Each structure stands twice: as C-alpha cells, then as structure tokens.
PDBML (XML) file of the C-alpha atoms, coordinates in Angstrom:
<?xml version="1.0" encoding="UTF-8" ?>
<PDBx:datablock datablockName="MODEL"
   xmlns:PDBx="http://pdbml.pdb.org/schema/pdbx-v50.xsd"
   xmlns:xsi="http://www.w3.org/2001/XMLSchema-instance"
   xsi:schemaLocation="http://pdbml.pdb.org/schema/pdbx-v50.xsd pdbx-v50.xsd">
   <PDBx:atom_siteCategory>
      <PDBx:atom_site id="1">
         <PDBx:B_iso_or_equiv>0.00</PDBx:B_iso_or_equiv>
         <PDBx:Cartn_x>-63.633</PDBx:Cartn_x>
         <PDBx:Cartn_y>-54.597</PDBx:Cartn_y>
         <PDBx:Cartn_z>60.511</PDBx:Cartn_z>
         <PDBx:auth_asym_id>A</PDBx:auth_asym_id>
         <PDBx:auth_atom_id>CA</PDBx:auth_atom_id>
         <PDBx:auth_comp_id>GLN</PDBx:auth_comp_id>
         <PDBx:auth_seq_id>1</PDBx:auth_seq_id>
         <PDBx:group_PDB>ATOM</PDBx:group_PDB>
         <PDBx:label_alt_id xsi:nil="true" />
         <PDBx:label_asym_id>A</PDBx:label_asym_id>
         <PDBx:label_atom_id>CA</PDBx:label_atom_id>
         <PDBx:label_comp_id>GLN</PDBx:label_comp_id>
         <PDBx:label_entity_id>1</PDBx:label_entity_id>
         <PDBx:label_seq_id>1</PDBx:label_seq_id>
         <PDBx:occupancy>1.00</PDBx:occupancy>
         <PDBx:pdbx_PDB_model_num>1</PDBx:pdbx_PDB_model_num>
         <PDBx:type_symbol>C</PDBx:type_symbol>
      </PDBx:atom_site>
      <PDBx:atom_site id="2">
         <PDBx:B_iso_or_equiv>0.00</PDBx:B_iso_or_equiv>
         <PDBx:Cartn_x>-64.902</PDBx:Cartn_x>
         <PDBx:Cartn_y>-58.099</PDBx:Cartn_y>
         <PDBx:Cartn_z>59.695</PDBx:Cartn_z>
         <PDBx:auth_asym_id>A</PDBx:auth_asym_id>
         <PDBx:auth_atom_id>CA</PDBx:auth_atom_id>
         <PDBx:auth_comp_id>GLN</PDBx:auth_comp_id>
         <PDBx:auth_seq_id>2</PDBx:auth_seq_id>
         <PDBx:group_PDB>ATOM</PDBx:group_PDB>
         <PDBx:label_alt_id xsi:nil="true" />
         <PDBx:label_asym_id>A</PDBx:label_asym_id>
         <PDBx:label_atom_id>CA</PDBx:label_atom_id>
         <PDBx:label_comp_id>GLN</PDBx:label_comp_id>
         <PDBx:label_entity_id>1</PDBx:label_entity_id>
         <PDBx:label_seq_id>2</PDBx:label_seq_id>
         <PDBx:occupancy>1.00</PDBx:occupancy>
         <PDBx:pdbx_PDB_model_num>1</PDBx:pdbx_PDB_model_num>
         <PDBx:type_symbol>C</PDBx:type_symbol>
      </PDBx:atom_site>
      <PDBx:atom_site id="3">
         <PDBx:B_iso_or_equiv>0.00</PDBx:B_iso_or_equiv>
         <PDBx:Cartn_x>-64.225</PDBx:Cartn_x>
         <PDBx:Cartn_y>-57.518</PDBx:Cartn_y>
         <PDBx:Cartn_z>55.986</PDBx:Cartn_z>
         <PDBx:auth_asym_id>A</PDBx:auth_asym_id>
         <PDBx:auth_atom_id>CA</PDBx:auth_atom_id>
         <PDBx:auth_comp_id>GLU</PDBx:auth_comp_id>
         <PDBx:auth_seq_id>3</PDBx:auth_seq_id>
         <PDBx:group_PDB>ATOM</PDBx:group_PDB>
         <PDBx:label_alt_id xsi:nil="true" />
         <PDBx:label_asym_id>A</PDBx:label_asym_id>
         <PDBx:label_atom_id>CA</PDBx:label_atom_id>
         <PDBx:label_comp_id>GLU</PDBx:label_comp_id>
         <PDBx:label_entity_id>1</PDBx:label_entity_id>
         <PDBx:label_seq_id>3</PDBx:label_seq_id>
         <PDBx:occupancy>1.00</PDBx:occupancy>
         <PDBx:pdbx_PDB_model_num>1</PDBx:pdbx_PDB_model_num>
         <PDBx:type_symbol>C</PDBx:type_symbol>
      </PDBx:atom_site>
      <PDBx:atom_site id="4">
         <PDBx:B_iso_or_equiv>0.00</PDBx:B_iso_or_equiv>
         <PDBx:Cartn_x>-60.675</PDBx:Cartn_x>
         <PDBx:Cartn_y>-56.409</PDBx:Cartn_y>
         <PDBx:Cartn_z>56.793</PDBx:Cartn_z>
         <PDBx:auth_asym_id>A</PDBx:auth_asym_id>
         <PDBx:auth_atom_id>CA</PDBx:auth_atom_id>
         <PDBx:auth_comp_id>LYS</PDBx:auth_comp_id>
         <PDBx:auth_seq_id>4</PDBx:auth_seq_id>
         <PDBx:group_PDB>ATOM</PDBx:group_PDB>
         <PDBx:label_alt_id xsi:nil="true" />
         <PDBx:label_asym_id>A</PDBx:label_asym_id>
         <PDBx:label_atom_id>CA</PDBx:label_atom_id>
         <PDBx:label_comp_id>LYS</PDBx:label_comp_id>
         <PDBx:label_entity_id>1</PDBx:label_entity_id>
         <PDBx:label_seq_id>4</PDBx:label_seq_id>
         <PDBx:occupancy>1.00</PDBx:occupancy>
         <PDBx:pdbx_PDB_model_num>1</PDBx:pdbx_PDB_model_num>
         <PDBx:type_symbol>C</PDBx:type_symbol>
      </PDBx:atom_site>
      <PDBx:atom_site id="5">
         <PDBx:B_iso_or_equiv>0.00</PDBx:B_iso_or_equiv>
         <PDBx:Cartn_x>-60.149</PDBx:Cartn_x>
         <PDBx:Cartn_y>-59.472</PDBx:Cartn_y>
         <PDBx:Cartn_z>58.972</PDBx:Cartn_z>
         <PDBx:auth_asym_id>A</PDBx:auth_asym_id>
         <PDBx:auth_atom_id>CA</PDBx:auth_atom_id>
         <PDBx:auth_comp_id>LEU</PDBx:auth_comp_id>
         <PDBx:auth_seq_id>5</PDBx:auth_seq_id>
         <PDBx:group_PDB>ATOM</PDBx:group_PDB>
         <PDBx:label_alt_id xsi:nil="true" />
         <PDBx:label_asym_id>A</PDBx:label_asym_id>
         <PDBx:label_atom_id>CA</PDBx:label_atom_id>
         <PDBx:label_comp_id>LEU</PDBx:label_comp_id>
         <PDBx:label_entity_id>1</PDBx:label_entity_id>
         <PDBx:label_seq_id>5</PDBx:label_seq_id>
         <PDBx:occupancy>1.00</PDBx:occupancy>
         <PDBx:pdbx_PDB_model_num>1</PDBx:pdbx_PDB_model_num>
         <PDBx:type_symbol>C</PDBx:type_symbol>
      </PDBx:atom_site>
      <PDBx:atom_site id="6">
         <PDBx:B_iso_or_equiv>0.00</PDBx:B_iso_or_equiv>
         <PDBx:Cartn_x>-61.537</PDBx:Cartn_x>
         <PDBx:Cartn_y>-61.730</PDBx:Cartn_y>
         <PDBx:Cartn_z>56.240</PDBx:Cartn_z>
         <PDBx:auth_asym_id>A</PDBx:auth_asym_id>
         <PDBx:auth_atom_id>CA</PDBx:auth_atom_id>
         <PDBx:auth_comp_id>ASP</PDBx:auth_comp_id>
         <PDBx:auth_seq_id>6</PDBx:auth_seq_id>
         <PDBx:group_PDB>ATOM</PDBx:group_PDB>
         <PDBx:label_alt_id xsi:nil="true" />
         <PDBx:label_asym_id>A</PDBx:label_asym_id>
         <PDBx:label_atom_id>CA</PDBx:label_atom_id>
         <PDBx:label_comp_id>ASP</PDBx:label_comp_id>
         <PDBx:label_entity_id>1</PDBx:label_entity_id>
         <PDBx:label_seq_id>6</PDBx:label_seq_id>
         <PDBx:occupancy>1.00</PDBx:occupancy>
         <PDBx:pdbx_PDB_model_num>1</PDBx:pdbx_PDB_model_num>
         <PDBx:type_symbol>C</PDBx:type_symbol>
      </PDBx:atom_site>
      <PDBx:atom_site id="7">
         <PDBx:B_iso_or_equiv>0.00</PDBx:B_iso_or_equiv>
         <PDBx:Cartn_x>-59.101</PDBx:Cartn_x>
         <PDBx:Cartn_y>-60.312</PDBx:Cartn_y>
         <PDBx:Cartn_z>53.683</PDBx:Cartn_z>
         <PDBx:auth_asym_id>A</PDBx:auth_asym_id>
         <PDBx:auth_atom_id>CA</PDBx:auth_atom_id>
         <PDBx:auth_comp_id>SER</PDBx:auth_comp_id>
         <PDBx:auth_seq_id>7</PDBx:auth_seq_id>
         <PDBx:group_PDB>ATOM</PDBx:group_PDB>
         <PDBx:label_alt_id xsi:nil="true" />
         <PDBx:label_asym_id>A</PDBx:label_asym_id>
         <PDBx:label_atom_id>CA</PDBx:label_atom_id>
         <PDBx:label_comp_id>SER</PDBx:label_comp_id>
         <PDBx:label_entity_id>1</PDBx:label_entity_id>
         <PDBx:label_seq_id>7</PDBx:label_seq_id>
         <PDBx:occupancy>1.00</PDBx:occupancy>
         <PDBx:pdbx_PDB_model_num>1</PDBx:pdbx_PDB_model_num>
         <PDBx:type_symbol>C</PDBx:type_symbol>
      </PDBx:atom_site>
      <PDBx:atom_site id="8">
         <PDBx:B_iso_or_equiv>0.00</PDBx:B_iso_or_equiv>
         <PDBx:Cartn_x>-56.206</PDBx:Cartn_x>
         <PDBx:Cartn_y>-60.744</PDBx:Cartn_y>
         <PDBx:Cartn_z>56.124</PDBx:Cartn_z>
         <PDBx:auth_asym_id>A</PDBx:auth_asym_id>
         <PDBx:auth_atom_id>CA</PDBx:auth_atom_id>
         <PDBx:auth_comp_id>ILE</PDBx:auth_comp_id>
         <PDBx:auth_seq_id>8</PDBx:auth_seq_id>
         <PDBx:group_PDB>ATOM</PDBx:group_PDB>
         <PDBx:label_alt_id xsi:nil="true" />
         <PDBx:label_asym_id>A</PDBx:label_asym_id>
         <PDBx:label_atom_id>CA</PDBx:label_atom_id>
         <PDBx:label_comp_id>ILE</PDBx:label_comp_id>
         <PDBx:label_entity_id>1</PDBx:label_entity_id>
         <PDBx:label_seq_id>8</PDBx:label_seq_id>
         <PDBx:occupancy>1.00</PDBx:occupancy>
         <PDBx:pdbx_PDB_model_num>1</PDBx:pdbx_PDB_model_num>
         <PDBx:type_symbol>C</PDBx:type_symbol>
      </PDBx:atom_site>
      <PDBx:atom_site id="9">
         <PDBx:B_iso_or_equiv>0.00</PDBx:B_iso_or_equiv>
         <PDBx:Cartn_x>-57.339</PDBx:Cartn_x>
         <PDBx:Cartn_y>-64.305</PDBx:Cartn_y>
         <PDBx:Cartn_z>56.821</PDBx:Cartn_z>
         <PDBx:auth_asym_id>A</PDBx:auth_asym_id>
         <PDBx:auth_atom_id>CA</PDBx:auth_atom_id>
         <PDBx:auth_comp_id>ASN</PDBx:auth_comp_id>
         <PDBx:auth_seq_id>9</PDBx:auth_seq_id>
         <PDBx:group_PDB>ATOM</PDBx:group_PDB>
         <PDBx:label_alt_id xsi:nil="true" />
         <PDBx:label_asym_id>A</PDBx:label_asym_id>
         <PDBx:label_atom_id>CA</PDBx:label_atom_id>
         <PDBx:label_comp_id>ASN</PDBx:label_comp_id>
         <PDBx:label_entity_id>1</PDBx:label_entity_id>
         <PDBx:label_seq_id>9</PDBx:label_seq_id>
         <PDBx:occupancy>1.00</PDBx:occupancy>
         <PDBx:pdbx_PDB_model_num>1</PDBx:pdbx_PDB_model_num>
         <PDBx:type_symbol>C</PDBx:type_symbol>
      </PDBx:atom_site>
      <PDBx:atom_site id="10">
         <PDBx:B_iso_or_equiv>0.00</PDBx:B_iso_or_equiv>
         <PDBx:Cartn_x>-57.444</PDBx:Cartn_x>
         <PDBx:Cartn_y>-65.113</PDBx:Cartn_y>
         <PDBx:Cartn_z>53.082</PDBx:Cartn_z>
         <PDBx:auth_asym_id>A</PDBx:auth_asym_id>
         <PDBx:auth_atom_id>CA</PDBx:auth_atom_id>
         <PDBx:auth_comp_id>LYS</PDBx:auth_comp_id>
         <PDBx:auth_seq_id>10</PDBx:auth_seq_id>
         <PDBx:group_PDB>ATOM</PDBx:group_PDB>
         <PDBx:label_alt_id xsi:nil="true" />
         <PDBx:label_asym_id>A</PDBx:label_asym_id>
         <PDBx:label_atom_id>CA</PDBx:label_atom_id>
         <PDBx:label_comp_id>LYS</PDBx:label_comp_id>
         <PDBx:label_entity_id>1</PDBx:label_entity_id>
         <PDBx:label_seq_id>10</PDBx:label_seq_id>
         <PDBx:occupancy>1.00</PDBx:occupancy>
         <PDBx:pdbx_PDB_model_num>1</PDBx:pdbx_PDB_model_num>
         <PDBx:type_symbol>C</PDBx:type_symbol>
      </PDBx:atom_site>
      <PDBx:atom_site id="11">
         <PDBx:B_iso_or_equiv>0.00</PDBx:B_iso_or_equiv>
         <PDBx:Cartn_x>-53.927</PDBx:Cartn_x>
         <PDBx:Cartn_y>-63.728</PDBx:Cartn_y>
         <PDBx:Cartn_z>52.650</PDBx:Cartn_z>
         <PDBx:auth_asym_id>A</PDBx:auth_asym_id>
         <PDBx:auth_atom_id>CA</PDBx:auth_atom_id>
         <PDBx:auth_comp_id>ALA</PDBx:auth_comp_id>
         <PDBx:auth_seq_id>11</PDBx:auth_seq_id>
         <PDBx:group_PDB>ATOM</PDBx:group_PDB>
         <PDBx:label_alt_id xsi:nil="true" />
         <PDBx:label_asym_id>A</PDBx:label_asym_id>
         <PDBx:label_atom_id>CA</PDBx:label_atom_id>
         <PDBx:label_comp_id>ALA</PDBx:label_comp_id>
         <PDBx:label_entity_id>1</PDBx:label_entity_id>
         <PDBx:label_seq_id>11</PDBx:label_seq_id>
         <PDBx:occupancy>1.00</PDBx:occupancy>
         <PDBx:pdbx_PDB_model_num>1</PDBx:pdbx_PDB_model_num>
         <PDBx:type_symbol>C</PDBx:type_symbol>
      </PDBx:atom_site>
      <PDBx:atom_site id="12">
         <PDBx:B_iso_or_equiv>0.00</PDBx:B_iso_or_equiv>
         <PDBx:Cartn_x>-52.668</PDBx:Cartn_x>
         <PDBx:Cartn_y>-65.797</PDBx:Cartn_y>
         <PDBx:Cartn_z>55.585</PDBx:Cartn_z>
         <PDBx:auth_asym_id>A</PDBx:auth_asym_id>
         <PDBx:auth_atom_id>CA</PDBx:auth_atom_id>
         <PDBx:auth_comp_id>LEU</PDBx:auth_comp_id>
         <PDBx:auth_seq_id>12</PDBx:auth_seq_id>
         <PDBx:group_PDB>ATOM</PDBx:group_PDB>
         <PDBx:label_alt_id xsi:nil="true" />
         <PDBx:label_asym_id>A</PDBx:label_asym_id>
         <PDBx:label_atom_id>CA</PDBx:label_atom_id>
         <PDBx:label_comp_id>LEU</PDBx:label_comp_id>
         <PDBx:label_entity_id>1</PDBx:label_entity_id>
         <PDBx:label_seq_id>12</PDBx:label_seq_id>
         <PDBx:occupancy>1.00</PDBx:occupancy>
         <PDBx:pdbx_PDB_model_num>1</PDBx:pdbx_PDB_model_num>
         <PDBx:type_symbol>C</PDBx:type_symbol>
      </PDBx:atom_site>
      <PDBx:atom_site id="13">
         <PDBx:B_iso_or_equiv>0.00</PDBx:B_iso_or_equiv>
         <PDBx:Cartn_x>-54.339</PDBx:Cartn_x>
         <PDBx:Cartn_y>-68.937</PDBx:Cartn_y>
         <PDBx:Cartn_z>54.219</PDBx:Cartn_z>
         <PDBx:auth_asym_id>A</PDBx:auth_asym_id>
         <PDBx:auth_atom_id>CA</PDBx:auth_atom_id>
         <PDBx:auth_comp_id>ASP</PDBx:auth_comp_id>
         <PDBx:auth_seq_id>13</PDBx:auth_seq_id>
         <PDBx:group_PDB>ATOM</PDBx:group_PDB>
         <PDBx:label_alt_id xsi:nil="true" />
         <PDBx:label_asym_id>A</PDBx:label_asym_id>
         <PDBx:label_atom_id>CA</PDBx:label_atom_id>
         <PDBx:label_comp_id>ASP</PDBx:label_comp_id>
         <PDBx:label_entity_id>1</PDBx:label_entity_id>
         <PDBx:label_seq_id>13</PDBx:label_seq_id>
         <PDBx:occupancy>1.00</PDBx:occupancy>
         <PDBx:pdbx_PDB_model_num>1</PDBx:pdbx_PDB_model_num>
         <PDBx:type_symbol>C</PDBx:type_symbol>
      </PDBx:atom_site>
      <PDBx:atom_site id="14">
         <PDBx:B_iso_or_equiv>0.00</PDBx:B_iso_or_equiv>
         <PDBx:Cartn_x>-52.678</PDBx:Cartn_x>
         <PDBx:Cartn_y>-68.358</PDBx:Cartn_y>
         <PDBx:Cartn_z>50.856</PDBx:Cartn_z>
         <PDBx:auth_asym_id>A</PDBx:auth_asym_id>
         <PDBx:auth_atom_id>CA</PDBx:auth_atom_id>
         <PDBx:auth_comp_id>LEU</PDBx:auth_comp_id>
         <PDBx:auth_seq_id>14</PDBx:auth_seq_id>
         <PDBx:group_PDB>ATOM</PDBx:group_PDB>
         <PDBx:label_alt_id xsi:nil="true" />
         <PDBx:label_asym_id>A</PDBx:label_asym_id>
         <PDBx:label_atom_id>CA</PDBx:label_atom_id>
         <PDBx:label_comp_id>LEU</PDBx:label_comp_id>
         <PDBx:label_entity_id>1</PDBx:label_entity_id>
         <PDBx:label_seq_id>14</PDBx:label_seq_id>
         <PDBx:occupancy>1.00</PDBx:occupancy>
         <PDBx:pdbx_PDB_model_num>1</PDBx:pdbx_PDB_model_num>
         <PDBx:type_symbol>C</PDBx:type_symbol>
      </PDBx:atom_site>
      <PDBx:atom_site id="15">
         <PDBx:B_iso_or_equiv>0.00</PDBx:B_iso_or_equiv>
         <PDBx:Cartn_x>-49.273</PDBx:Cartn_x>
         <PDBx:Cartn_y>-67.843</PDBx:Cartn_y>
         <PDBx:Cartn_z>52.491</PDBx:Cartn_z>
         <PDBx:auth_asym_id>A</PDBx:auth_asym_id>
         <PDBx:auth_atom_id>CA</PDBx:auth_atom_id>
         <PDBx:auth_comp_id>LYS</PDBx:auth_comp_id>
         <PDBx:auth_seq_id>15</PDBx:auth_seq_id>
         <PDBx:group_PDB>ATOM</PDBx:group_PDB>
         <PDBx:label_alt_id xsi:nil="true" />
         <PDBx:label_asym_id>A</PDBx:label_asym_id>
         <PDBx:label_atom_id>CA</PDBx:label_atom_id>
         <PDBx:label_comp_id>LYS</PDBx:label_comp_id>
         <PDBx:label_entity_id>1</PDBx:label_entity_id>
         <PDBx:label_seq_id>15</PDBx:label_seq_id>
         <PDBx:occupancy>1.00</PDBx:occupancy>
         <PDBx:pdbx_PDB_model_num>1</PDBx:pdbx_PDB_model_num>
         <PDBx:type_symbol>C</PDBx:type_symbol>
      </PDBx:atom_site>
      <PDBx:atom_site id="16">
         <PDBx:B_iso_or_equiv>0.00</PDBx:B_iso_or_equiv>
         <PDBx:Cartn_x>-49.754</PDBx:Cartn_x>
         <PDBx:Cartn_y>-70.990</PDBx:Cartn_y>
         <PDBx:Cartn_z>54.568</PDBx:Cartn_z>
         <PDBx:auth_asym_id>A</PDBx:auth_asym_id>
         <PDBx:auth_atom_id>CA</PDBx:auth_atom_id>
         <PDBx:auth_comp_id>GLU</PDBx:auth_comp_id>
         <PDBx:auth_seq_id>16</PDBx:auth_seq_id>
         <PDBx:group_PDB>ATOM</PDBx:group_PDB>
         <PDBx:label_alt_id xsi:nil="true" />
         <PDBx:label_asym_id>A</PDBx:label_asym_id>
         <PDBx:label_atom_id>CA</PDBx:label_atom_id>
         <PDBx:label_comp_id>GLU</PDBx:label_comp_id>
         <PDBx:label_entity_id>1</PDBx:label_entity_id>
         <PDBx:label_seq_id>16</PDBx:label_seq_id>
         <PDBx:occupancy>1.00</PDBx:occupancy>
         <PDBx:pdbx_PDB_model_num>1</PDBx:pdbx_PDB_model_num>
         <PDBx:type_symbol>C</PDBx:type_symbol>
      </PDBx:atom_site>
      <PDBx:atom_site id="17">
         <PDBx:B_iso_or_equiv>0.00</PDBx:B_iso_or_equiv>
         <PDBx:Cartn_x>-50.668</PDBx:Cartn_x>
         <PDBx:Cartn_y>-73.009</PDBx:Cartn_y>
         <PDBx:Cartn_z>51.462</PDBx:Cartn_z>
         <PDBx:auth_asym_id>A</PDBx:auth_asym_id>
         <PDBx:auth_atom_id>CA</PDBx:auth_atom_id>
         <PDBx:auth_comp_id>ALA</PDBx:auth_comp_id>
         <PDBx:auth_seq_id>17</PDBx:auth_seq_id>
         <PDBx:group_PDB>ATOM</PDBx:group_PDB>
         <PDBx:label_alt_id xsi:nil="true" />
         <PDBx:label_asym_id>A</PDBx:label_asym_id>
         <PDBx:label_atom_id>CA</PDBx:label_atom_id>
         <PDBx:label_comp_id>ALA</PDBx:label_comp_id>
         <PDBx:label_entity_id>1</PDBx:label_entity_id>
         <PDBx:label_seq_id>17</PDBx:label_seq_id>
         <PDBx:occupancy>1.00</PDBx:occupancy>
         <PDBx:pdbx_PDB_model_num>1</PDBx:pdbx_PDB_model_num>
         <PDBx:type_symbol>C</PDBx:type_symbol>
      </PDBx:atom_site>
      <PDBx:atom_site id="18">
         <PDBx:B_iso_or_equiv>0.00</PDBx:B_iso_or_equiv>
         <PDBx:Cartn_x>-47.572</PDBx:Cartn_x>
         <PDBx:Cartn_y>-71.745</PDBx:Cartn_y>
         <PDBx:Cartn_z>49.648</PDBx:Cartn_z>
         <PDBx:auth_asym_id>A</PDBx:auth_asym_id>
         <PDBx:auth_atom_id>CA</PDBx:auth_atom_id>
         <PDBx:auth_comp_id>ILE</PDBx:auth_comp_id>
         <PDBx:auth_seq_id>18</PDBx:auth_seq_id>
         <PDBx:group_PDB>ATOM</PDBx:group_PDB>
         <PDBx:label_alt_id xsi:nil="true" />
         <PDBx:label_asym_id>A</PDBx:label_asym_id>
         <PDBx:label_atom_id>CA</PDBx:label_atom_id>
         <PDBx:label_comp_id>ILE</PDBx:label_comp_id>
         <PDBx:label_entity_id>1</PDBx:label_entity_id>
         <PDBx:label_seq_id>18</PDBx:label_seq_id>
         <PDBx:occupancy>1.00</PDBx:occupancy>
         <PDBx:pdbx_PDB_model_num>1</PDBx:pdbx_PDB_model_num>
         <PDBx:type_symbol>C</PDBx:type_symbol>
      </PDBx:atom_site>
      <PDBx:atom_site id="19">
         <PDBx:B_iso_or_equiv>0.00</PDBx:B_iso_or_equiv>
         <PDBx:Cartn_x>-45.434</PDBx:Cartn_x>
         <PDBx:Cartn_y>-72.529</PDBx:Cartn_y>
         <PDBx:Cartn_z>52.697</PDBx:Cartn_z>
         <PDBx:auth_asym_id>A</PDBx:auth_asym_id>
         <PDBx:auth_atom_id>CA</PDBx:auth_atom_id>
         <PDBx:auth_comp_id>HIS</PDBx:auth_comp_id>
         <PDBx:auth_seq_id>19</PDBx:auth_seq_id>
         <PDBx:group_PDB>ATOM</PDBx:group_PDB>
         <PDBx:label_alt_id xsi:nil="true" />
         <PDBx:label_asym_id>A</PDBx:label_asym_id>
         <PDBx:label_atom_id>CA</PDBx:label_atom_id>
         <PDBx:label_comp_id>HIS</PDBx:label_comp_id>
         <PDBx:label_entity_id>1</PDBx:label_entity_id>
         <PDBx:label_seq_id>19</PDBx:label_seq_id>
         <PDBx:occupancy>1.00</PDBx:occupancy>
         <PDBx:pdbx_PDB_model_num>1</PDBx:pdbx_PDB_model_num>
         <PDBx:type_symbol>C</PDBx:type_symbol>
      </PDBx:atom_site>
      <PDBx:atom_site id="20">
         <PDBx:B_iso_or_equiv>0.00</PDBx:B_iso_or_equiv>
         <PDBx:Cartn_x>-46.828</PDBx:Cartn_x>
         <PDBx:Cartn_y>-76.069</PDBx:Cartn_y>
         <PDBx:Cartn_z>52.919</PDBx:Cartn_z>
         <PDBx:auth_asym_id>A</PDBx:auth_asym_id>
         <PDBx:auth_atom_id>CA</PDBx:auth_atom_id>
         <PDBx:auth_comp_id>GLN</PDBx:auth_comp_id>
         <PDBx:auth_seq_id>20</PDBx:auth_seq_id>
         <PDBx:group_PDB>ATOM</PDBx:group_PDB>
         <PDBx:label_alt_id xsi:nil="true" />
         <PDBx:label_asym_id>A</PDBx:label_asym_id>
         <PDBx:label_atom_id>CA</PDBx:label_atom_id>
         <PDBx:label_comp_id>GLN</PDBx:label_comp_id>
         <PDBx:label_entity_id>1</PDBx:label_entity_id>
         <PDBx:label_seq_id>20</PDBx:label_seq_id>
         <PDBx:occupancy>1.00</PDBx:occupancy>
         <PDBx:pdbx_PDB_model_num>1</PDBx:pdbx_PDB_model_num>
         <PDBx:type_symbol>C</PDBx:type_symbol>
      </PDBx:atom_site>
      <PDBx:atom_site id="21">
         <PDBx:B_iso_or_equiv>0.00</PDBx:B_iso_or_equiv>
         <PDBx:Cartn_x>-46.173</PDBx:Cartn_x>
         <PDBx:Cartn_y>-76.616</PDBx:Cartn_y>
         <PDBx:Cartn_z>49.188</PDBx:Cartn_z>
         <PDBx:auth_asym_id>A</PDBx:auth_asym_id>
         <PDBx:auth_atom_id>CA</PDBx:auth_atom_id>
         <PDBx:auth_comp_id>LYS</PDBx:auth_comp_id>
         <PDBx:auth_seq_id>21</PDBx:auth_seq_id>
         <PDBx:group_PDB>ATOM</PDBx:group_PDB>
         <PDBx:label_alt_id xsi:nil="true" />
         <PDBx:label_asym_id>A</PDBx:label_asym_id>
         <PDBx:label_atom_id>CA</PDBx:label_atom_id>
         <PDBx:label_comp_id>LYS</PDBx:label_comp_id>
         <PDBx:label_entity_id>1</PDBx:label_entity_id>
         <PDBx:label_seq_id>21</PDBx:label_seq_id>
         <PDBx:occupancy>1.00</PDBx:occupancy>
         <PDBx:pdbx_PDB_model_num>1</PDBx:pdbx_PDB_model_num>
         <PDBx:type_symbol>C</PDBx:type_symbol>
      </PDBx:atom_site>
      <PDBx:atom_site id="22">
         <PDBx:B_iso_or_equiv>0.00</PDBx:B_iso_or_equiv>
         <PDBx:Cartn_x>-42.578</PDBx:Cartn_x>
         <PDBx:Cartn_y>-75.402</PDBx:Cartn_y>
         <PDBx:Cartn_z>49.497</PDBx:Cartn_z>
         <PDBx:auth_asym_id>A</PDBx:auth_asym_id>
         <PDBx:auth_atom_id>CA</PDBx:auth_atom_id>
         <PDBx:auth_comp_id>ARG</PDBx:auth_comp_id>
         <PDBx:auth_seq_id>22</PDBx:auth_seq_id>
         <PDBx:group_PDB>ATOM</PDBx:group_PDB>
         <PDBx:label_alt_id xsi:nil="true" />
         <PDBx:label_asym_id>A</PDBx:label_asym_id>
         <PDBx:label_atom_id>CA</PDBx:label_atom_id>
         <PDBx:label_comp_id>ARG</PDBx:label_comp_id>
         <PDBx:label_entity_id>1</PDBx:label_entity_id>
         <PDBx:label_seq_id>22</PDBx:label_seq_id>
         <PDBx:occupancy>1.00</PDBx:occupancy>
         <PDBx:pdbx_PDB_model_num>1</PDBx:pdbx_PDB_model_num>
         <PDBx:type_symbol>C</PDBx:type_symbol>
      </PDBx:atom_site>
      <PDBx:atom_site id="23">
         <PDBx:B_iso_or_equiv>0.00</PDBx:B_iso_or_equiv>
         <PDBx:Cartn_x>-42.034</PDBx:Cartn_x>
         <PDBx:Cartn_y>-77.498</PDBx:Cartn_y>
         <PDBx:Cartn_z>52.614</PDBx:Cartn_z>
         <PDBx:auth_asym_id>A</PDBx:auth_asym_id>
         <PDBx:auth_atom_id>CA</PDBx:auth_atom_id>
         <PDBx:auth_comp_id>LEU</PDBx:auth_comp_id>
         <PDBx:auth_seq_id>23</PDBx:auth_seq_id>
         <PDBx:group_PDB>ATOM</PDBx:group_PDB>
         <PDBx:label_alt_id xsi:nil="true" />
         <PDBx:label_asym_id>A</PDBx:label_asym_id>
         <PDBx:label_atom_id>CA</PDBx:label_atom_id>
         <PDBx:label_comp_id>LEU</PDBx:label_comp_id>
         <PDBx:label_entity_id>1</PDBx:label_entity_id>
         <PDBx:label_seq_id>23</PDBx:label_seq_id>
         <PDBx:occupancy>1.00</PDBx:occupancy>
         <PDBx:pdbx_PDB_model_num>1</PDBx:pdbx_PDB_model_num>
         <PDBx:type_symbol>C</PDBx:type_symbol>
      </PDBx:atom_site>
      <PDBx:atom_site id="24">
         <PDBx:B_iso_or_equiv>0.00</PDBx:B_iso_or_equiv>
         <PDBx:Cartn_x>-43.264</PDBx:Cartn_x>
         <PDBx:Cartn_y>-80.588</PDBx:Cartn_y>
         <PDBx:Cartn_z>50.780</PDBx:Cartn_z>
         <PDBx:auth_asym_id>A</PDBx:auth_asym_id>
         <PDBx:auth_atom_id>CA</PDBx:auth_atom_id>
         <PDBx:auth_comp_id>LYS</PDBx:auth_comp_id>
         <PDBx:auth_seq_id>24</PDBx:auth_seq_id>
         <PDBx:group_PDB>ATOM</PDBx:group_PDB>
         <PDBx:label_alt_id xsi:nil="true" />
         <PDBx:label_asym_id>A</PDBx:label_asym_id>
         <PDBx:label_atom_id>CA</PDBx:label_atom_id>
         <PDBx:label_comp_id>LYS</PDBx:label_comp_id>
         <PDBx:label_entity_id>1</PDBx:label_entity_id>
         <PDBx:label_seq_id>24</PDBx:label_seq_id>
         <PDBx:occupancy>1.00</PDBx:occupancy>
         <PDBx:pdbx_PDB_model_num>1</PDBx:pdbx_PDB_model_num>
         <PDBx:type_symbol>C</PDBx:type_symbol>
      </PDBx:atom_site>
   </PDBx:atom_siteCategory>
</PDBx:datablock>
C-alpha cells in the first residue's frame, strides 16, 4: 500500500509542477 501511495504521490507532484509551470 505504501508503494502504491508513493507512486500516486509522485504523479501528483509531477502534475503540480506542470501546473505551476503553466500558471507562471
């Protein structure tokens, strides 16, 4: 379960980084 949560967290971090770049 921790591995699944880690992969979801990485995906969310990537989406957040892309969102911040587009916002800028």
